[in-house]
Amino acid sequence: MVWADEQDAGRGRQGRRWDCPAGEGLLFSVQLRPGLPLELAPLWGLNLALLVAEVVESLCPGFDAWLKWPIDWVTAEGRKWGGLLIENQVRGSFIQEALVGLGINLTQKTFKGLP
């Protein structure tokens, strides 16, 4: 696992950027070796996202962690508060390794490129 205090060149889906000033988010990547059949990749990613949502809800009573397809988290009002990016390494028909990047906004109020 590798964690960061800030992120100024993070990657999201479809080449989007993910930036977070120092101390305003929880940012880390972890390498996993799931050994799963390739056809389970979408379900596996969704389960990881649901697991994180459940953990956040258990740590923050009264907070509803909604999932936005495919693997982003939003508030009940639709404001994004985190995301997950999974890069799988496939061998044959199995996911041998996966790099899972996770970013959760804790106190960030401004976002580069957005009003």
C-alpha atoms as a PDB file:
ATOM      1  CA  MET A   1       0.000   0.000   0.000  1.00  0.00           C
ATOM      2  CA  VAL A   2       1.143   3.518  -0.794  1.00  0.00           C
ATOM      3  CA  TRP A   3      -0.601   6.582   0.602  1.00  0.00           C
ATOM      4  CA  ALA A   4      -0.207  10.269  -0.212  1.00  0.00           C
ATOM      5  CA  ASP A   5      -0.932  13.472   1.672  1.00  0.00           C
ATOM      6  CA  GLU A   6      -1.725  15.331  -1.548  1.00  0.00           C
ATOM      7  CA  GLN A   7      -2.295  14.587  -5.203  1.00  0.00           C
ATOM      8  CA  ASP A   8      -1.642  16.896  -8.134  1.00  0.00           C
ATOM      9  CA  ALA A   9      -1.572  14.464 -11.049  1.00  0.00           C
ATOM     10  CA  GLY A  10      -4.054  11.766 -10.101  1.00  0.00           C
ATOM     11  CA  ARG A  11      -5.915   9.843 -12.762  1.00  0.00           C
ATOM     12  CA  GLY A  12      -9.571   9.060 -12.943  1.00  0.00           C
ATOM     13  CA  ARG A  13     -11.669   7.233 -15.490  1.00  0.00           C
ATOM     14  CA  GLN A  14     -11.432   8.206 -19.161  1.00  0.00           C
ATOM     15  CA  GLY A  15      -8.268  10.247 -18.613  1.00  0.00           C
ATOM     16  CA  ARG A  16      -9.841  12.663 -16.133  1.00  0.00           C
ATOM     17  CA  ARG A  17      -7.650  14.254 -13.447  1.00  0.00           C
ATOM     18  CA  TRP A  18      -8.045  13.880  -9.718  1.00  0.00           C
ATOM     19  CA  ASP A  19      -6.331  16.598  -7.679  1.00  0.00           C
ATOM     20  CA  CYS A  20      -6.417  17.036  -3.917  1.00  0.00           C
ATOM     21  CA  PRO A  21      -4.515  19.626  -1.849  1.00  0.00           C
ATOM     22  CA  ALA A  22      -2.381  18.519   1.098  1.00  0.00           C
ATOM     23  CA  GLY A  23      -4.352  17.209   4.059  1.00  0.00           C
ATOM     24  CA  GLU A  24      -7.781  17.481   2.415  1.00  0.00           C
ATOM     25  CA  GLY A  25      -8.317  13.865   1.418  1.00  0.00           C
ATOM     26  CA  LEU A  26      -7.576  10.221   2.036  1.00  0.00           C
ATOM     27  CA  LEU A  27      -5.507   9.035  -0.913  1.00  0.00           C
ATOM     28  CA  PHE A  28      -3.914   5.659  -1.380  1.00  0.00           C
ATOM     29  CA  SER A  29      -3.206   2.818  -3.769  1.00  0.00           C
ATOM     30  CA  VAL A  30      -2.940  -0.841  -2.941  1.00  0.00           C
ATOM     31  CA  GLN A  31      -1.732  -3.762  -5.026  1.00  0.00           C
ATOM     32  CA  LEU A  32      -3.915  -6.851  -4.800  1.00  0.00           C
ATOM     33  CA  ARG A  33      -3.629 -10.323  -6.293  1.00  0.00           C
ATOM     34  CA  PRO A  34      -7.234 -11.484  -6.620  1.00  0.00           C
ATOM     35  CA  GLY A  35      -6.697 -14.416  -9.010  1.00  0.00           C
ATOM     36  CA  LEU A  36     -10.269 -13.999 -10.282  1.00  0.00           C
ATOM     37  CA  PRO A  37     -11.724 -15.082 -13.611  1.00  0.00           C
ATOM     38  CA  LEU A  38     -11.816 -12.103 -15.966  1.00  0.00           C
ATOM     39  CA  GLU A  39     -15.619 -12.187 -16.282  1.00  0.00           C
ATOM     40  CA  LEU A  40     -15.872 -11.291 -12.566  1.00  0.00           C
ATOM     41  CA  ALA A  41     -13.899  -8.029 -12.960  1.00  0.00           C
ATOM     42  CA  PRO A  42     -16.953  -5.696 -13.066  1.00  0.00           C
ATOM     43  CA  LEU A  43     -18.589  -7.416 -10.107  1.00  0.00           C
ATOM     44  CA  TRP A  44     -15.346  -7.380  -8.139  1.00  0.00           C
ATOM     45  CA  GLY A  45     -14.907  -3.619  -8.682  1.00  0.00           C
ATOM     46  CA  LEU A  46     -18.495  -2.952  -7.634  1.00  0.00           C
ATOM     47  CA  ASN A  47     -18.037  -5.063  -4.486  1.00  0.00           C
ATOM     48  CA  LEU A  48     -14.903  -3.097  -3.549  1.00  0.00           C
ATOM     49  CA  ALA A  49     -16.831   0.155  -3.973  1.00  0.00           C
ATOM     50  CA  LEU A  50     -19.729  -1.156  -1.858  1.00  0.00           C
ATOM     51  CA  LEU A  51     -17.314  -2.297   0.845  1.00  0.00           C
ATOM     52  CA  VAL A  52     -15.770   1.172   1.105  1.00  0.00           C
ATOM     53  CA  ALA A  53     -19.240   2.754   1.249  1.00  0.00           C
ATOM     54  CA  GLU A  54     -20.223   0.402   4.086  1.00  0.00           C
ATOM     55  CA  VAL A  55     -17.044   1.214   6.027  1.00  0.00           C
ATOM     56  CA  VAL A  56     -17.603   4.966   5.632  1.00  0.00           C
ATOM     57  CA  GLU A  57     -21.222   4.640   6.783  1.00  0.00           C
ATOM     58  CA  SER A  58     -20.132   2.621   9.823  1.00  0.00           C
ATOM     59  CA  LEU A  59     -17.544   5.278  10.747  1.00  0.00           C
ATOM     60  CA  CYS A  60     -19.902   8.221  10.093  1.00  0.00           C
ATOM     61  CA  PRO A  61     -23.308   7.454  11.641  1.00  0.00           C
ATOM     62  CA  GLY A  62     -26.155   9.162   9.787  1.00  0.00           C
ATOM     63  CA  PHE A  63     -24.143   9.589   6.571  1.00  0.00           C
ATOM     64  CA  ASP A  64     -25.591   7.890   3.482  1.00  0.00           C
ATOM     65  CA  ALA A  65     -22.875   6.774   1.075  1.00  0.00           C
ATOM     66  CA  TRP A  66     -24.433   6.408  -2.348  1.00  0.00           C
ATOM     67  CA  LEU A  67     -22.746   4.609  -5.210  1.00  0.00           C
ATOM     68  CA  LYS A  68     -22.645   6.188  -8.670  1.00  0.00           C
ATOM     69  CA  TRP A  69     -21.970   3.766 -11.495  1.00  0.00           C
ATOM     70  CA  PRO A  70     -19.458   2.468 -12.042  1.00  0.00           C
ATOM     71  CA  ILE A  71     -17.372   3.093  -8.903  1.00  0.00           C
ATOM     72  CA  ASP A  72     -17.739   6.627  -7.545  1.00  0.00           C
ATOM     73  CA  TRP A  73     -19.277   7.679  -4.253  1.00  0.00           C
ATOM     74  CA  VAL A  74     -21.731  10.553  -3.952  1.00  0.00           C
ATOM     75  CA  THR A  75     -23.881  12.122  -1.264  1.00  0.00           C
ATOM     76  CA  ALA A  76     -27.666  11.811  -1.364  1.00  0.00           C
ATOM     77  CA  GLU A  77     -27.612  15.205  -3.146  1.00  0.00           C
ATOM     78  CA  GLY A  78     -25.337  13.815  -5.871  1.00  0.00           C
ATOM     79  CA  ARG A  79     -22.074  15.485  -4.818  1.00  0.00           C
ATOM     80  CA  LYS A  80     -19.048  13.292  -5.464  1.00  0.00           C
ATOM     81  CA  TRP A  81     -16.965  12.625  -2.349  1.00  0.00           C
ATOM     82  CA  GLY A  82     -14.719   9.842  -3.620  1.00  0.00           C
ATOM     83  CA  GLY A  83     -13.729   7.465  -6.324  1.00  0.00           C
ATOM     84  CA  LEU A  84     -12.014   4.201  -7.053  1.00  0.00           C
ATOM     85  CA  LEU A  85      -9.827   3.340 -10.035  1.00  0.00           C
ATOM     86  CA  ILE A  86      -8.817  -0.265 -10.685  1.00  0.00           C
ATOM     87  CA  GLU A  87      -6.149  -1.250 -13.183  1.00  0.00           C
ATOM     88  CA  ASN A  88      -6.111  -5.001 -13.735  1.00  0.00           C
ATOM     89  CA  GLN A  89      -3.255  -7.088 -15.042  1.00  0.00           C
ATOM     90  CA  VAL A  90      -4.667 -10.052 -16.906  1.00  0.00           C
ATOM     91  CA  ARG A  91      -2.921 -13.342 -17.628  1.00  0.00           C
ATOM     92  CA  GLY A  92      -4.906 -15.733 -19.747  1.00  0.00           C
ATOM     93  CA  SER A  93      -8.471 -15.471 -18.516  1.00  0.00           C
ATOM     94  CA  PHE A  94      -7.636 -14.399 -14.943  1.00  0.00           C
ATOM     95  CA  ILE A  95      -7.008 -11.132 -13.142  1.00  0.00           C
ATOM     96  CA  GLN A  96      -3.621 -11.870 -11.634  1.00  0.00           C
ATOM     97  CA  GLU A  97      -2.879  -8.453 -10.118  1.00  0.00           C
ATOM     98  CA  ALA A  98      -4.777  -5.232  -9.639  1.00  0.00           C
ATOM     99  CA  LEU A  99      -3.678  -1.753  -8.667  1.00  0.00           C
ATOM    100  CA  VAL A 100      -6.546  -0.157  -6.763  1.00  0.00           C
ATOM    101  CA  GLY A 101      -6.426   3.621  -6.322  1.00  0.00           C
ATOM    102  CA  LEU A 102      -8.805   5.260  -3.866  1.00  0.00           C
ATOM    103  CA  GLY A 103      -9.477   8.928  -3.212  1.00  0.00           C
ATOM    104  CA  ILE A 104     -11.881  10.235  -0.592  1.00  0.00           C
ATOM    105  CA  ASN A 105     -12.575  13.927  -0.144  1.00  0.00           C
ATOM    106  CA  LEU A 106     -12.418  14.820   3.536  1.00  0.00           C
ATOM    107  CA  THR A 107     -12.374  18.634   3.611  1.00  0.00           C
ATOM    108  CA  GLN A 108     -11.654  19.763   0.041  1.00  0.00           C
ATOM    109  CA  LYS A 109     -13.779  22.766  -0.963  1.00  0.00           C
ATOM    110  CA  THR A 110     -12.292  23.788  -4.342  1.00  0.00           C
ATOM    111  CA  PHE A 111     -11.646  21.614  -7.376  1.00  0.00           C
ATOM    112  CA  LYS A 112      -9.348  22.476 -10.307  1.00  0.00           C
ATOM    113  CA  GLY A 113     -11.236  22.891 -13.551  1.00  0.00           C
ATOM    114  CA  LEU A 114     -14.644  23.116 -11.878  1.00  0.00           C
ATOM    115  CA  PRO A 115     -16.656  26.171 -10.789  1.00  0.00           C
END
